[in-house]
Protein backbone atom coordinates (compact mmCIF):
# COMPACT_ATOMS: atom_id res chain seq x y z
CA MET A 1 0.00 0.00 0.00
CA SER A 2 1.36 3.37 -0.93
CA GLY A 3 1.63 6.30 1.49
CA LYS A 4 -1.43 8.12 0.05
CA ASN A 5 -3.58 5.00 0.17
CA ALA A 6 -2.50 4.32 3.76
CA ILE A 7 -3.49 7.88 4.77
CA LYS A 8 -6.86 7.55 3.00
CA SER A 9 -7.40 4.19 4.66
CA THR A 10 -6.58 5.63 8.09
CA ILE A 11 -8.90 8.62 7.59
CA ILE A 12 -11.76 6.37 6.44
CA SER A 13 -11.16 4.06 9.42
CA VAL A 14 -11.24 6.98 11.85
CA ILE A 15 -14.47 8.35 10.30
CA LEU A 16 -16.14 4.93 10.42
CA ALA A 17 -15.02 4.40 14.03
CA ALA A 18 -16.44 7.82 14.99
CA ALA A 19 -19.71 6.99 13.23
CA VAL A 20 -19.97 3.71 15.16
CA VAL A 21 -19.29 5.48 18.48
CA VAL A 22 -21.88 8.20 17.79
CA SER A 23 -24.55 5.75 16.60
CA SER A 24 -23.91 3.51 19.63
CA ALA A 25 -24.33 6.48 21.95
CA PHE A 26 -27.68 7.34 20.34
CA LEU A 27 -28.74 3.70 20.46
CA PHE A 28 -28.08 3.38 24.21
CA ALA A 29 -29.63 6.77 24.93
CA GLY A 30 -32.78 5.73 23.09
CA ILE A 31 -33.33 2.50 25.02
CA LYS A 32 -36.15 2.92 27.52
CA ALA A 33 -36.46 0.71 30.55
CA LYS A 34 -39.87 -0.69 31.33
CA ALA A 35 -41.46 0.98 34.35
CA GLU A 36 -42.83 -2.33 35.62
CA THR A 37 -39.31 -3.75 35.86
CA HIS A 38 -38.16 -0.85 38.02
CA ARG A 39 -41.39 -0.85 40.06
CA ALA A 40 -41.01 -4.54 40.87
CA TYR A 41 -37.34 -3.99 41.74
CA ALA A 42 -38.19 -1.04 44.00
CA HIS A 43 -40.90 -3.04 45.78
CA SER A 44 -38.41 -5.75 46.56
CA HIS A 45 -35.80 -3.22 47.69
CA SER A 46 -37.54 -0.90 50.12
CA SER A 47 -34.53 1.40 50.41
CA GLN A 48 -35.03 2.38 46.77
CA LYS A 49 -38.78 3.05 46.96
CA ALA A 50 -39.97 6.54 46.19
CA ASP A 51 -41.57 7.59 49.45
CA ASN A 52 -44.20 10.26 49.92
CA VAL A 53 -42.52 12.08 52.78
CA GLY A 54 -43.72 15.52 51.65
CA LEU A 55 -47.20 14.35 50.66
CA PRO A 56 -49.93 15.92 52.83
CA ASP A 57 -52.67 13.84 54.44
CA LYS A 58 -55.32 16.10 52.91
CA THR A 59 -55.61 19.04 50.56
CA THR A 60 -58.22 21.53 49.40
CA ASN A 61 -55.99 22.75 46.55
CA THR A 62 -56.12 21.79 42.90
CA ASN A 63 -53.10 20.19 41.22
CA GLN A 64 -51.67 18.85 44.48
CA PHE A 65 -51.51 15.17 45.42
CA ALA A 66 -52.60 14.12 48.90
CA LYS A 67 -54.00 11.08 50.63
CA CYS A 68 -57.45 12.70 50.42
CA TYR A 69 -59.10 15.71 48.80
CA VAL A 70 -61.43 17.82 50.97
CA TYR A 71 -64.24 19.99 49.64
CA ARG A 72 -66.21 22.26 51.98
CA ALA A 73 -69.57 23.90 51.30
CA ALA A 74 -72.49 25.49 53.13
CA GLY A 75 -76.15 24.56 52.96
CA GLU A 76 -79.20 23.88 55.07
CA THR A 77 -82.45 22.05 54.47
CA ALA A 78 -85.38 21.25 56.72
CA LYS A 79 -83.80 17.89 57.57
CA GLY A 80 -80.31 19.40 57.79
CA TYR A 81 -78.54 18.31 54.61
CA ASP A 82 -78.76 16.26 51.44
CA TRP A 83 -76.10 15.27 48.90
CA THR A 84 -75.18 12.82 46.15
CA TYR A 85 -72.63 12.41 43.37
CA LYS A 86 -72.18 11.05 39.85
CA THR A 87 -69.00 9.60 38.44
CA ASP A 88 -67.78 8.04 35.20
CA TYR A 89 -65.28 5.73 36.92
CA ASP A 90 -65.73 4.12 40.32
CA ASN A 91 -62.24 4.72 41.72
CA VAL A 92 -63.09 7.32 44.39
CA LYS A 93 -64.65 6.86 47.82
CA VAL A 94 -66.75 9.78 49.14
CA LYS A 95 -67.64 10.55 52.74
CA CYS A 96 -69.59 13.53 54.03
CA ASN A 97 -69.64 15.08 57.47
CA TYR A 98 -72.27 17.72 58.15
CA ASP A 99 -72.00 20.20 61.02
CA PHE A 100 -75.55 20.97 62.18
CA THR A 101 -74.37 24.00 64.17
CA THR A 102 -72.61 25.81 61.31
CA HIS A 103 -74.61 24.15 58.47
CA LYS A 104 -71.44 23.18 56.62
CA TYR A 105 -70.64 20.14 54.53
CA THR A 106 -67.17 18.60 54.57
CA PHE A 107 -66.67 16.09 51.77
CA LYS A 108 -63.67 13.77 51.95
CA LEU A 109 -62.66 12.06 48.69
CA THR A 110 -60.09 9.26 48.75
CA GLY A 111 -58.67 7.13 45.96
CA LYS A 112 -59.61 3.46 45.63
CA SER A 113 -57.76 2.60 42.41
CA TYR A 114 -55.65 4.15 39.64
CA GLY A 115 -57.38 6.31 37.03
CA LEU A 116 -58.94 9.55 35.86
CA ASN A 117 -62.44 10.38 37.05
CA HIS A 118 -64.95 12.99 35.88
CA PHE A 119 -66.94 13.62 39.02
CA VAL A 120 -70.02 15.74 39.83
CA LEU A 121 -70.77 16.46 43.47
CA ARG A 122 -74.34 17.59 44.17
CA TYR A 123 -75.61 19.00 47.45
CA LYS A 124 -78.57 21.03 48.65
CA THR A 125 -78.07 24.60 49.76
CA SER A 126 -81.78 24.93 50.64
CA ASP A 127 -84.90 22.75 50.51
CA LYS A 128 -85.43 23.48 46.81
CA LYS A 129 -81.97 24.32 45.47
CA TRP A 130 -79.29 21.82 44.42
CA THR A 131 -75.75 22.94 43.63
CA SER A 132 -73.46 20.93 41.33
CA VAL A 133 -69.68 21.04 41.43
CA LYS A 134 -67.81 19.41 38.53
CA MET A 135 -64.36 18.01 39.28
CA THR A 136 -61.75 16.05 37.40
CA LEU A 137 -59.89 13.79 39.79
CA PHE A 138 -56.81 11.66 39.27
CA VAL A 139 -55.80 8.75 41.50
CA ASP A 140 -52.22 7.47 41.21
CA SER A 141 -51.00 3.91 41.70
CA GLU A 142 -50.42 4.57 45.42
CA LYS A 143 -54.09 5.72 45.80
CA ASN A 144 -53.11 9.36 46.29
CA ILE A 145 -55.66 11.75 44.85
CA MET A 146 -55.43 15.08 43.04
CA ARG A 147 -58.18 17.42 41.84
CA ILE A 148 -57.14 18.66 38.40
CA SER A 149 -60.10 20.98 37.81
């Protein structure tokens, strides 16, 4: 091989080697690990679990995860109170406490299973008047709940 051919051969080899290195880097960067694999691994290794240290027990805010979402309202009927709800996905548990002294409802919504829920809470503010509150709720895999809107 002559000197010029050896130089050309070396340059081509260097370019090809660089191309292999760059394409390998993109290949490894593009590989995505399955979340289930990591979730199962984290469950078996408690030191690596993502814990909810900063997660509040309850919230009244939108766009904030908590163990329960609380909605408060006022209303009074002849019997004290009346309420119901409609949902498109049964993944939320609803409890209501009514204070007969202040005539205030406190609704506590907790997650039962993962999913998005379009929810309508209805309660009476007087004997003849119902009020509806539309909510979009999201429950994560750990049963934490968040009101989106």
